[in-house]
C-alpha cells in the first residue's frame, strides 16, 4: 500500500469552507442592509416629529432654522379667502424632505 501525503486540504473541505464563508457574507449583508433601512426610518420619524411640532406650535412665523441635523423653513402665504393663510413647514435632511401645510386665521 502507498502512504498518502496529508499536506493540505481536500476538495470537500475547501468547498465546505467556501459555503460557510458565503452564508456568513449573506447574513452580514442582510444585517447591514436592515440597519441602514432602520436608520433611515428613524431619521424620517424624527424629521416628521419636528415638522409636526413646528406646524402645530402657537408661534406662527416665517423663518429658517436648524435642529439636530435638520433644516427647516416656515412660510406663510395668503389664500384667495380673506383672513385665511396657508402655513407651510418644510423640514429637510440629507436624504429626506417632509412638507406639512395648515390653514390659519390671522
PDB file of N, CA and C in Angstrom:
ATOM      1  N   UNK A   1       0.808  -1.185   0.000  1.00  0.00           N
ATOM      2  CA  UNK A   1       0.000   0.000   0.000  1.00  0.00           C
ATOM      3  C   UNK A   1       0.851   1.248   0.000  1.00  0.00           C
ATOM      4  N   UNK A   2       0.342   2.265  -0.675  1.00  0.00           N
ATOM      5  CA  UNK A   2       1.042   3.542  -0.710  1.00  0.00           C
ATOM      6  C   UNK A   2       0.670   4.368   0.511  1.00  0.00           C
ATOM      7  N   UNK A   3       1.619   5.108   0.976  1.00  0.00           N
ATOM      8  CA  UNK A   3       1.350   6.019   2.078  1.00  0.00           C
ATOM      9  C   UNK A   3       0.853   7.337   1.495  1.00  0.00           C
ATOM     10  N   UNK A   4      -0.265   7.802   2.016  1.00  0.00           N
ATOM     11  CA  UNK A   4      -0.871   9.021   1.481  1.00  0.00           C
ATOM     12  C   UNK A   4      -0.233  10.241   2.126  1.00  0.00           C
ATOM     13  N   UNK A   5       0.014  11.270   1.322  1.00  0.00           N
ATOM     14  CA  UNK A   5       0.607  12.524   1.787  1.00  0.00           C
ATOM     15  C   UNK A   5      -0.519  13.438   2.268  1.00  0.00           C
ATOM     16  N   UNK A   6      -0.586  13.788   3.525  1.00  0.00           N
ATOM     17  CA  UNK A   6      -1.673  14.575   4.095  1.00  0.00           C
ATOM     18  C   UNK A   6      -1.293  16.043   4.276  1.00  0.00           C
ATOM     19  N   UNK A   7      -0.601  16.604   3.359  1.00  0.00           N
ATOM     20  CA  UNK A   7      -0.277  18.024   3.424  1.00  0.00           C
ATOM     21  C   UNK A   7      -1.291  18.792   2.586  1.00  0.00           C
ATOM     22  N   UNK A   8      -2.089  19.663   3.256  1.00  0.00           N
ATOM     23  CA  UNK A   8      -3.079  20.456   2.533  1.00  0.00           C
ATOM     24  C   UNK A   8      -4.492  20.010   2.846  1.00  0.00           C
ATOM     25  N   UNK A   9      -5.440  20.623   2.146  1.00  0.00           N
ATOM     26  CA  UNK A   9      -6.850  20.369   2.380  1.00  0.00           C
ATOM     27  C   UNK A   9      -7.436  19.590   1.218  1.00  0.00           C
ATOM     28  N   UNK A  10      -8.493  18.845   1.518  1.00  0.00           N
ATOM     29  CA  UNK A  10      -9.173  18.122   0.451  1.00  0.00           C
ATOM     30  C   UNK A  10     -10.149  19.075  -0.244  1.00  0.00           C
ATOM     31  N   UNK A  11     -10.606  18.656  -1.375  1.00  0.00           N
ATOM     32  CA  UNK A  11     -11.534  19.460  -2.157  1.00  0.00           C
ATOM     33  C   UNK A  11     -12.836  19.692  -1.384  1.00  0.00           C
ATOM     34  N   UNK A  12     -13.332  18.682  -0.694  1.00  0.00           N
ATOM     35  CA  UNK A  12     -14.566  18.794   0.090  1.00  0.00           C
ATOM     36  C   UNK A  12     -14.391  19.814   1.219  1.00  0.00           C
ATOM     37  N   UNK A  13     -13.258  19.803   1.891  1.00  0.00           N
ATOM     38  CA  UNK A  13     -13.008  20.768   2.966  1.00  0.00           C
ATOM     39  C   UNK A  13     -12.995  22.197   2.436  1.00  0.00           C
ATOM     40  N   UNK A  14     -12.421  22.410   1.300  1.00  0.00           N
ATOM     41  CA  UNK A  14     -12.395  23.747   0.698  1.00  0.00           C
ATOM     42  C   UNK A  14     -13.806  24.176   0.308  1.00  0.00           C
ATOM     43  N   UNK A  15     -14.597  23.270  -0.283  1.00  0.00           N
ATOM     44  CA  UNK A  15     -15.969  23.606  -0.654  1.00  0.00           C
ATOM     45  C   UNK A  15     -16.816  23.948   0.573  1.00  0.00           C
ATOM     46  N   UNK A  16     -16.667  23.169   1.646  1.00  0.00           N
ATOM     47  CA  UNK A  16     -17.428  23.442   2.868  1.00  0.00           C
ATOM     48  C   UNK A  16     -17.051  24.808   3.435  1.00  0.00           C
ATOM     49  N   UNK A  17     -15.775  25.132   3.443  1.00  0.00           N
ATOM     50  CA  UNK A  17     -15.356  26.437   3.974  1.00  0.00           C
ATOM     51  C   UNK A  17     -15.893  27.579   3.097  1.00  0.00           C
ATOM     52  N   UNK A  18     -15.923  27.400   1.777  1.00  0.00           N
ATOM     53  CA  UNK A  18     -16.478  28.427   0.894  1.00  0.00           C
ATOM     54  C   UNK A  18     -17.979  28.607   1.113  1.00  0.00           C
ATOM     55  N   UNK A  19     -18.693  27.524   1.352  1.00  0.00           N
ATOM     56  CA  UNK A  19     -20.125  27.614   1.629  1.00  0.00           C
ATOM     57  C   UNK A  19     -20.363  28.362   2.943  1.00  0.00           C
ATOM     58  N   UNK A  20     -19.576  28.071   3.960  1.00  0.00           N
ATOM     59  CA  UNK A  20     -19.715  28.764   5.247  1.00  0.00           C
ATOM     60  C   UNK A  20     -19.412  30.250   5.095  1.00  0.00           C
ATOM     61  N   UNK A  21     -18.349  30.591   4.379  1.00  0.00           N
ATOM     62  CA  UNK A  21     -17.996  31.996   4.152  1.00  0.00           C
ATOM     63  C   UNK A  21     -19.101  32.701   3.365  1.00  0.00           C
ATOM     64  N   UNK A  22     -19.650  32.035   2.360  1.00  0.00           N
ATOM     65  CA  UNK A  22     -20.739  32.623   1.573  1.00  0.00           C
ATOM     66  C   UNK A  22     -21.985  32.856   2.411  1.00  0.00           C
ATOM     67  N   UNK A  23     -22.326  31.901   3.261  1.00  0.00           N
ATOM     68  CA  UNK A  23     -23.506  32.051   4.113  1.00  0.00           C
ATOM     69  C   UNK A  23     -23.311  33.200   5.103  1.00  0.00           C
ATOM     70  N   UNK A  24     -22.138  33.290   5.710  1.00  0.00           N
ATOM     71  CA  UNK A  24     -21.865  34.386   6.646  1.00  0.00           C
ATOM     72  C   UNK A  24     -21.881  35.743   5.943  1.00  0.00           C
ATOM     73  N   UNK A  25     -21.356  35.788   4.727  1.00  0.00           N
ATOM     74  CA  UNK A  25     -21.377  37.039   3.963  1.00  0.00           C
ATOM     75  C   UNK A  25     -22.815  37.446   3.649  1.00  0.00           C
ATOM     76  N   UNK A  26     -23.650  36.500   3.275  1.00  0.00           N
ATOM     77  CA  UNK A  26     -25.057  36.795   3.002  1.00  0.00           C
ATOM     78  C   UNK A  26     -25.787  37.302   4.234  1.00  0.00           C
ATOM     79  N   UNK A  27     -25.540  36.677   5.374  1.00  0.00           N
ATOM     80  CA  UNK A  27     -26.177  37.110   6.622  1.00  0.00           C
ATOM     81  C   UNK A  27     -25.710  38.516   6.986  1.00  0.00           C
ATOM     82  N   UNK A  28     -24.428  38.792   6.851  1.00  0.00           N
ATOM     83  CA  UNK A  28     -23.902  40.121   7.171  1.00  0.00           C
ATOM     84  C   UNK A  28     -24.499  41.186   6.247  1.00  0.00           C
ATOM     85  N   UNK A  29     -24.644  40.866   4.969  1.00  0.00           N
ATOM     86  CA  UNK A  29     -25.242  41.812   4.023  1.00  0.00           C
ATOM     87  C   UNK A  29     -26.674  42.151   4.428  1.00  0.00           C
ATOM     88  N   UNK A  30     -27.442  41.139   4.786  1.00  0.00           N
ATOM     89  CA  UNK A  30     -28.834  41.360   5.193  1.00  0.00           C
ATOM     90  C   UNK A  30     -28.881  42.203   6.466  1.00  0.00           C
ATOM     91  N   UNK A  31     -28.010  41.931   7.421  1.00  0.00           N
ATOM     92  CA  UNK A  31     -27.990  42.690   8.679  1.00  0.00           C
ATOM     93  C   UNK A  31     -27.615  44.150   8.435  1.00  0.00           C
ATOM     94  N   UNK A  32     -26.600  44.389   7.620  1.00  0.00           N
ATOM     95  CA  UNK A  32     -26.171  45.765   7.343  1.00  0.00           C
ATOM     96  C   UNK A  32     -27.264  46.512   6.585  1.00  0.00           C
ATOM     97  N   UNK A  33     -27.899  45.868   5.627  1.00  0.00           N
ATOM     98  CA  UNK A  33     -28.985  46.487   4.878  1.00  0.00           C
ATOM     99  C   UNK A  33     -30.156  46.809   5.803  1.00  0.00           C
ATOM    100  N   UNK A  34     -30.471  45.911   6.712  1.00  0.00           N
ATOM    101  CA  UNK A  34     -31.558  46.141   7.666  1.00  0.00           C
ATOM    102  C   UNK A  34     -31.233  47.330   8.570  1.00  0.00           C
ATOM    103  N   UNK A  35     -30.001  47.431   9.041  1.00  0.00           N
ATOM    104  CA  UNK A  35     -29.611  48.554   9.900  1.00  0.00           C
ATOM    105  C   UNK A  35     -29.681  49.873   9.149  1.00  0.00           C
ATOM    106  N   UNK A  36     -29.331  49.867   7.869  1.00  0.00           N
ATOM    107  CA  UNK A  36     -29.408  51.083   7.061  1.00  0.00           C
ATOM    108  C   UNK A  36     -30.865  51.524   6.892  1.00  0.00           C
ATOM    109  N   UNK A  37     -31.750  50.588   6.637  1.00  0.00           N
ATOM    110  CA  UNK A  37     -33.172  50.901   6.500  1.00  0.00           C
ATOM    111  C   UNK A  37     -33.722  51.398   7.830  1.00  0.00           C
ATOM    112  N   UNK A  38     -33.347  50.762   8.925  1.00  0.00           N
ATOM    113  CA  UNK A  38     -33.793  51.187  10.248  1.00  0.00           C
ATOM    114  C   UNK A  38     -33.333  52.613  10.548  1.00  0.00           C
ATOM    115  N   UNK A  39     -32.082  52.915  10.237  1.00  0.00           N
ATOM    116  CA  UNK A  39     -31.552  54.258  10.465  1.00  0.00           C
ATOM    117  C   UNK A  39     -32.294  55.295   9.627  1.00  0.00           C
ATOM    118  N   UNK A  40     -32.589  54.952   8.378  1.00  0.00           N
ATOM    119  CA  UNK A  40     -33.322  55.863   7.503  1.00  0.00           C
ATOM    120  C   UNK A  40     -34.728  56.116   8.038  1.00  0.00           C
ATOM    121  N   UNK A  41     -35.408  55.070   8.506  1.00  0.00           N
ATOM    122  CA  UNK A  41     -36.752  55.230   9.059  1.00  0.00           C
ATOM    123  C   UNK A  41     -36.720  56.053  10.339  1.00  0.00           C
ATOM    124  N   UNK A  42     -35.700  55.851  11.144  1.00  0.00           N
ATOM    125  CA  UNK A  42     -35.585  56.622  12.383  1.00  0.00           C
ATOM    126  C   UNK A  42     -35.404  58.112  12.085  1.00  0.00           C
ATOM    127  N   UNK A  43     -34.561  58.444  11.106  1.00  0.00           N
ATOM    128  CA  UNK A  43     -34.370  59.848  10.720  1.00  0.00           C
ATOM    129  C   UNK A  43     -35.671  60.438  10.159  1.00  0.00           C
ATOM    130  N   UNK A  44     -36.403  59.656   9.400  1.00  0.00           N
ATOM    131  CA  UNK A  44     -37.671  60.128   8.845  1.00  0.00           C
ATOM    132  C   UNK A  44     -38.691  60.392   9.959  1.00  0.00           C
ATOM    133  N   UNK A  45     -38.724  59.537  10.967  1.00  0.00           N
ATOM    134  CA  UNK A  45     -39.642  59.734  12.090  1.00  0.00           C
ATOM    135  C   UNK A  45     -39.273  60.990  12.866  1.00  0.00           C
ATOM    136  N   UNK A  46     -37.980  61.192  13.124  1.00  0.00           N
ATOM    137  CA  UNK A  46     -37.552  62.389  13.858  1.00  0.00           C
ATOM    138  C   UNK A  46     -37.874  63.649  13.060  1.00  0.00           C
ATOM    139  N   UNK A  47     -37.646  63.627  11.749  1.00  0.00           N
ATOM    140  CA  UNK A  47     -37.974  64.772  10.899  1.00  0.00           C
ATOM    141  C   UNK A  47     -39.467  65.056  10.873  1.00  0.00           C
ATOM    142  N   UNK A  48     -40.275  64.009  10.830  1.00  0.00           N
ATOM    143  CA  UNK A  48     -41.731  64.178  10.838  1.00  0.00           C
ATOM    144  C   UNK A  48     -42.203  64.740  12.167  1.00  0.00           C
ATOM    145  N   UNK A  49     -41.613  64.284  13.258  1.00  0.00           N
ATOM    146  CA  UNK A  49     -41.984  64.810  14.573  1.00  0.00           C
ATOM    147  C   UNK A  49     -41.603  66.285  14.694  1.00  0.00           C
ATOM    148  N   UNK A  50     -40.446  66.668  14.140  1.00  0.00           N
ATOM    149  CA  UNK A  50     -40.041  68.074  14.157  1.00  0.00           C
ATOM    150  C   UNK A  50     -41.013  68.916  13.338  1.00  0.00           C
ATOM    151  N   UNK A  51     -41.369  68.444  12.146  1.00  0.00           N
ATOM    152  CA  UNK A  51     -42.316  69.186  11.299  1.00  0.00           C
ATOM    153  C   UNK A  51     -43.667  69.310  11.997  1.00  0.00           C
ATOM    154  N   UNK A  52     -44.104  68.270  12.632  1.00  0.00           N
ATOM    155  CA  UNK A  52     -45.388  68.301  13.350  1.00  0.00           C
ATOM    156  C   UNK A  52     -45.340  69.298  14.500  1.00  0.00           C
ATOM    157  N   UNK A  53     -44.252  69.302  15.230  1.00  0.00           N
ATOM    158  CA  UNK A  53     -44.101  70.241  16.341  1.00  0.00           C
ATOM    159  C   UNK A  53     -44.109  71.687  15.844  1.00  0.00           C
ATOM    160  N   UNK A  54     -43.438  71.944  14.721  1.00  0.00           N
ATOM    161  CA  UNK A  54     -43.381  73.301  14.175  1.00  0.00           C
ATOM    162  C   UNK A  54     -44.732  73.746  13.614  1.00  0.00           C
ATOM    163  N   UNK A  55     -45.442  72.841  12.945  1.00  0.00           N
ATOM    164  CA  UNK A  55     -46.703  73.225  12.307  1.00  0.00           C
ATOM    165  C   UNK A  55     -47.802  73.440  13.348  1.00  0.00           C
ATOM    166  N   UNK A  56     -47.728  72.737  14.469  1.00  0.00           N
ATOM    167  CA  UNK A  56     -48.770  72.856  15.481  1.00  0.00           C
ATOM    168  C   UNK A  56     -48.444  73.865  16.580  1.00  0.00           C
ATOM    169  N   UNK A  57     -47.264  74.470  16.520  1.00  0.00           N
ATOM    170  CA  UNK A  57     -46.899  75.423  17.568  1.00  0.00           C
ATOM    171  C   UNK A  57     -47.754  76.683  17.454  1.00  0.00           C
ATOM    172  N   UNK A  58     -47.879  77.375  18.554  1.00  0.00           N
ATOM    173  CA  UNK A  58     -48.673  78.614  18.575  1.00  0.00           C
ATOM    174  C   UNK A  58     -47.931  79.758  17.899  1.00  0.00           C
ATOM    175  N   UNK A  59     -46.632  79.669  17.801  1.00  0.00           N
ATOM    176  CA  UNK A  59     -45.840  80.730  17.193  1.00  0.00           C
ATOM    177  C   UNK A  59     -45.797  80.523  15.677  1.00  0.00           C
ATOM    178  N   UNK A  60     -46.583  81.299  14.970  1.00  0.00           N
ATOM    179  CA  UNK A  60     -46.631  81.206  13.509  1.00  0.00           C
ATOM    180  C   UNK A  60     -45.760  82.325  12.961  1.00  0.00           C
ATOM    181  N   UNK A  61     -44.706  81.943  12.286  1.00  0.00           N
ATOM    182  CA  UNK A  61     -43.776  82.945  11.754  1.00  0.00           C
ATOM    183  C   UNK A  61     -43.132  82.416  10.487  1.00  0.00           C
ATOM    184  N   UNK A  62     -42.505  83.339   9.764  1.00  0.00           N
ATOM    185  CA  UNK A  62     -41.749  82.958   8.580  1.00  0.00           C
ATOM    186  C   UNK A  62     -40.281  83.030   8.950  1.00  0.00           C
ATOM    187  N   UNK A  63     -39.637  81.885   9.019  1.00  0.00           N
ATOM    188  CA  UNK A  63     -38.214  81.874   9.346  1.00  0.00           C
ATOM    189  C   UNK A  63     -37.578  80.568   8.892  1.00  0.00           C
ATOM    190  N   UNK A  64     -36.275  80.520   9.017  1.00  0.00           N
ATOM    191  CA  UNK A  64     -35.482  79.334   8.711  1.00  0.00           C
ATOM    192  C   UNK A  64     -34.717  78.961   9.964  1.00  0.00           C
ATOM    193  N   UNK A  65     -34.313  77.724  10.044  1.00  0.00           N
ATOM    194  CA  UNK A  65     -33.514  77.316  11.188  1.00  0.00           C
ATOM    195  C   UNK A  65     -32.983  75.919  11.029  1.00  0.00           C
ATOM    196  N   UNK A  66     -32.253  75.489  12.051  1.00  0.00           N
ATOM    197  CA  UNK A  66     -31.691  74.145  12.080  1.00  0.00           C
ATOM    198  C   UNK A  66     -31.961  73.527  13.435  1.00  0.00           C
ATOM    199  N   UNK A  67     -32.132  72.228  13.426  1.00  0.00           N
ATOM    200  CA  UNK A  67     -32.321  71.495  14.671  1.00  0.00           C
ATOM    201  C   UNK A  67     -31.833  70.069  14.486  1.00  0.00           C
ATOM    202  N   UNK A  68     -30.832  69.696  15.226  1.00  0.00           N
ATOM    203  CA  UNK A  68     -30.364  68.308  15.293  1.00  0.00           C
ATOM    204  C   UNK A  68     -30.090  67.687  13.919  1.00  0.00           C
ATOM    205  N   UNK A  69     -29.423  68.418  13.051  1.00  0.00           N
ATOM    206  CA  UNK A  69     -29.098  67.915  11.721  1.00  0.00           C
ATOM    207  C   UNK A  69     -30.174  68.128  10.677  1.00  0.00           C
ATOM    208  N   UNK A  70     -31.287  68.709  11.036  1.00  0.00           N
ATOM    209  CA  UNK A  70     -32.377  69.009  10.114  1.00  0.00           C
ATOM    210  C   UNK A  70     -32.433  70.512   9.878  1.00  0.00           C
ATOM    211  N   UNK A  71     -32.794  70.898   8.668  1.00  0.00           N
ATOM    212  CA  UNK A  71     -33.044  72.303   8.341  1.00  0.00           C
ATOM    213  C   UNK A  71     -34.545  72.466   8.141  1.00  0.00           C
ATOM    214  N   UNK A  72     -35.076  73.573   8.627  1.00  0.00           N
ATOM    215  CA  UNK A  72     -36.499  73.798   8.436  1.00  0.00           C
ATOM    216  C   UNK A  72     -36.738  75.206   7.921  1.00  0.00           C
ATOM    217  N   UNK A  73     -37.854  75.345   7.192  1.00  0.00           N
ATOM    218  CA  UNK A  73     -38.275  76.628   6.647  1.00  0.00           C
ATOM    219  C   UNK A  73     -39.773  76.743   6.859  1.00  0.00           C
ATOM    220  N   UNK A  74     -40.193  77.866   7.422  1.00  0.00           N
ATOM    221  CA  UNK A  74     -41.619  78.121   7.644  1.00  0.00           C
ATOM    222  C   UNK A  74     -42.044  79.294   6.778  1.00  0.00           C
ATOM    223  N   UNK A  75     -43.135  79.113   6.052  1.00  0.00           N
ATOM    224  CA  UNK A  75     -43.655  80.186   5.191  1.00  0.00           C
ATOM    225  C   UNK A  75     -45.134  80.382   5.464  1.00  0.00           C
ATOM    226  N   UNK A  76     -45.583  81.590   5.210  1.00  0.00           N
ATOM    227  CA  UNK A  76     -46.987  81.959   5.393  1.00  0.00           C
ATOM    228  C   UNK A  76     -47.435  82.663   4.126  1.00  0.00           C
ATOM    229  N   UNK A  77     -48.430  82.100   3.433  1.00  0.00           N
ATOM    230  CA  UNK A  77     -48.911  82.682   2.176  1.00  0.00           C
ATOM    231  C   UNK A  77     -50.396  82.975   2.259  1.00  0.00           C
ATOM    232  N   UNK A  78     -50.777  84.053   1.610  1.00  0.00           N
ATOM    233  CA  UNK A  78     -52.200  84.406   1.547  1.00  0.00           C
ATOM    234  C   UNK A  78     -52.928  83.435   0.632  1.00  0.00           C
ATOM    235  N   UNK A  79     -54.170  83.186   0.956  1.00  0.00           N
ATOM    236  CA  UNK A  79     -55.034  82.404   0.065  1.00  0.00           C
ATOM    237  C   UNK A  79     -56.039  83.357  -0.566  1.00  0.00           C
ATOM    238  N   UNK A  80     -56.911  82.839  -1.385  1.00  0.00           N
ATOM    239  CA  UNK A  80     -57.908  83.710  -2.011  1.00  0.00           C
ATOM    240  C   UNK A  80     -59.036  84.068  -1.049  1.00  0.00           C
ATOM    241  N   UNK A  81     -59.036  83.476   0.128  1.00  0.00           N
ATOM    242  CA  UNK A  81     -60.053  83.773   1.129  1.00  0.00           C
ATOM    243  C   UNK A  81     -59.491  84.796   2.128  1.00  0.00           C
ATOM    244  N   UNK A  82     -60.214  85.873   2.393  1.00  0.00           N
ATOM    245  CA  UNK A  82     -59.692  86.910   3.279  1.00  0.00           C
ATOM    246  C   UNK A  82     -59.486  86.395   4.708  1.00  0.00           C
ATOM    247  N   UNK A  83     -58.332  86.720   5.261  1.00  0.00           N
ATOM    248  CA  UNK A  83     -58.013  86.346   6.629  1.00  0.00           C
ATOM    249  C   UNK A  83     -57.536  84.918   6.812  1.00  0.00           C
ATOM    250  N   UNK A  84     -57.495  84.131   5.731  1.00  0.00           N
ATOM    251  CA  UNK A  84     -57.040  82.739   5.799  1.00  0.00           C
ATOM    252  C   UNK A  84     -55.690  82.654   5.088  1.00  0.00           C
ATOM    253  N   UNK A  85     -54.708  82.050   5.779  1.00  0.00           N
ATOM    254  CA  UNK A  85     -53.356  81.913   5.239  1.00  0.00           C
ATOM    255  C   UNK A  85     -52.959  80.443   5.223  1.00  0.00           C
ATOM    256  N   UNK A  86     -52.061  80.122   4.301  1.00  0.00           N
ATOM    257  CA  UNK A  86     -51.509  78.772   4.226  1.00  0.00           C
ATOM    258  C   UNK A  86     -50.147  78.794   4.901  1.00  0.00           C
ATOM    259  N   UNK A  87     -50.032  78.075   5.973  1.00  0.00           N
ATOM    260  CA  UNK A  87     -48.797  77.993   6.752  1.00  0.00           C
ATOM    261  C   UNK A  87     -48.109  76.688   6.380  1.00  0.00           C
ATOM    262  N   UNK A  88     -46.889  76.771   5.855  1.00  0.00           N
ATOM    263  CA  UNK A  88     -46.159  75.607   5.364  1.00  0.00           C
ATOM    264  C   UNK A  88     -44.857  75.453   6.128  1.00  0.00           C
ATOM    265  N   UNK A  89     -44.569  74.224   6.526  1.00  0.00           N
ATOM    266  CA  UNK A  89     -43.305  73.885   7.167  1.00  0.00           C
ATOM    267  C   UNK A  89     -42.624  72.831   6.307  1.00  0.00           C
ATOM    268  N   UNK A  90     -41.373  73.103   5.925  1.00  0.00           N
ATOM    269  CA  UNK A  90     -40.577  72.153   5.148  1.00  0.00           C
ATOM    270  C   UNK A  90     -39.353  71.793   5.989  1.00  0.00           C
ATOM    271  N   UNK A  91     -39.201  70.519   6.286  1.00  0.00           N
ATOM    272  CA  UNK A  91     -38.065  70.014   7.049  1.00  0.00           C
ATOM    273  C   UNK A  91     -37.252  69.131   6.124  1.00  0.00           C
ATOM    274  N   UNK A  92     -35.942  69.405   6.019  1.00  0.00           N
ATOM    275  CA  UNK A  92     -35.084  68.626   5.133  1.00  0.00           C
ATOM    276  C   UNK A  92     -33.861  68.125   5.894  1.00  0.00           C
ATOM    277  N   UNK A  93     -33.383  66.981   5.473  1.00  0.00           N
ATOM    278  CA  UNK A  93     -32.095  66.461   5.912  1.00  0.00           C
ATOM    279  C   UNK A  93     -31.347  66.069   4.651  1.00  0.00           C
ATOM    280  N   UNK A  94     -30.303  65.296   4.790  1.00  0.00           N
ATOM    281  CA  UNK A  94     -29.517  64.966   3.606  1.00  0.00           C
ATOM    282  C   UNK A  94     -30.281  64.117   2.589  1.00  0.00           C
ATOM    283  N   UNK A  95     -31.232  63.283   3.059  1.00  0.00           N
ATOM    284  CA  UNK A  95     -31.954  62.404   2.133  1.00  0.00           C
ATOM    285  C   UNK A  95     -33.459  62.644   2.094  1.00  0.00           C
ATOM    286  N   UNK A  96     -34.023  63.138   3.180  1.00  0.00           N
ATOM    287  CA  UNK A  96     -35.470  63.244   3.282  1.00  0.00           C
ATOM    288  C   UNK A  96     -35.945  64.687   3.239  1.00  0.00           C
ATOM    289  N   UNK A  97     -37.164  64.864   2.748  1.00  0.00           N
ATOM    290  CA  UNK A  97     -37.855  66.153   2.793  1.00  0.00           C
ATOM    291  C   UNK A  97     -39.286  65.895   3.255  1.00  0.00           C
ATOM    292  N   UNK A  98     -39.684  66.614   4.305  1.00  0.00           N
ATOM    293  CA  UNK A  98     -41.028  66.482   4.845  1.00  0.00           C
ATOM    294  C   UNK A  98     -41.718  67.834   4.699  1.00  0.00           C
ATOM    295  N   UNK A  99     -42.925  67.847   4.127  1.00  0.00           N
ATOM    296  CA  UNK A  99     -43.677  69.080   3.935  1.00  0.00           C
ATOM    297  C   UNK A  99     -45.024  68.921   4.634  1.00  0.00           C
ATOM    298  N   UNK A 100     -45.367  69.921   5.462  1.00  0.00           N
ATOM    299  CA  UNK A 100     -46.674  69.931   6.124  1.00  0.00           C
ATOM    300  C   UNK A 100     -47.312  71.305   5.918  1.00  0.00           C
ATOM    301  N   UNK A 101     -48.615  71.294   5.639  1.00  0.00           N
ATOM    302  CA  UNK A 101     -49.375  72.534   5.433  1.00  0.00           C
ATOM    303  C   UNK A 101     -50.499  72.607   6.449  1.00  0.00           C
ATOM    304  N   UNK A 102     -50.892  73.856   6.726  1.00  0.00           N
ATOM    305  CA  UNK A 102     -52.003  74.083   7.645  1.00  0.00           C
ATOM    306  C   UNK A 102     -52.606  75.440   7.303  1.00  0.00           C
ATOM    307  N   UNK A 103     -53.924  75.527   7.326  1.00  0.00           N
ATOM    308  CA  UNK A 103     -54.605  76.798   7.143  1.00  0.00           C
ATOM    309  C   UNK A 103     -54.761  77.466   8.499  1.00  0.00           C
ATOM    310  N   UNK A 104     -54.440  78.770   8.544  1.00  0.00           N
ATOM    311  CA  UNK A 104     -54.546  79.524   9.798  1.00  0.00           C
ATOM    312  C   UNK A 104     -55.313  80.809   9.553  1.00  0.00           C
ATOM    313  N   UNK A 105     -55.906  81.316  10.619  1.00  0.00           N
ATOM    314  CA  UNK A 105     -56.579  82.623  10.560  1.00  0.00           C
ATOM    315  C   UNK A 105     -55.688  83.646  11.214  1.00  0.00           C
ATOM    316  N   UNK A 106     -55.725  84.839  10.664  1.00  0.00           N
ATOM    317  CA  UNK A 106     -54.959  85.954  11.264  1.00  0.00           C
ATOM    318  C   UNK A 106     -55.804  87.166  11.287  1.00  0.00           C
TER     319      UNK A 106
END
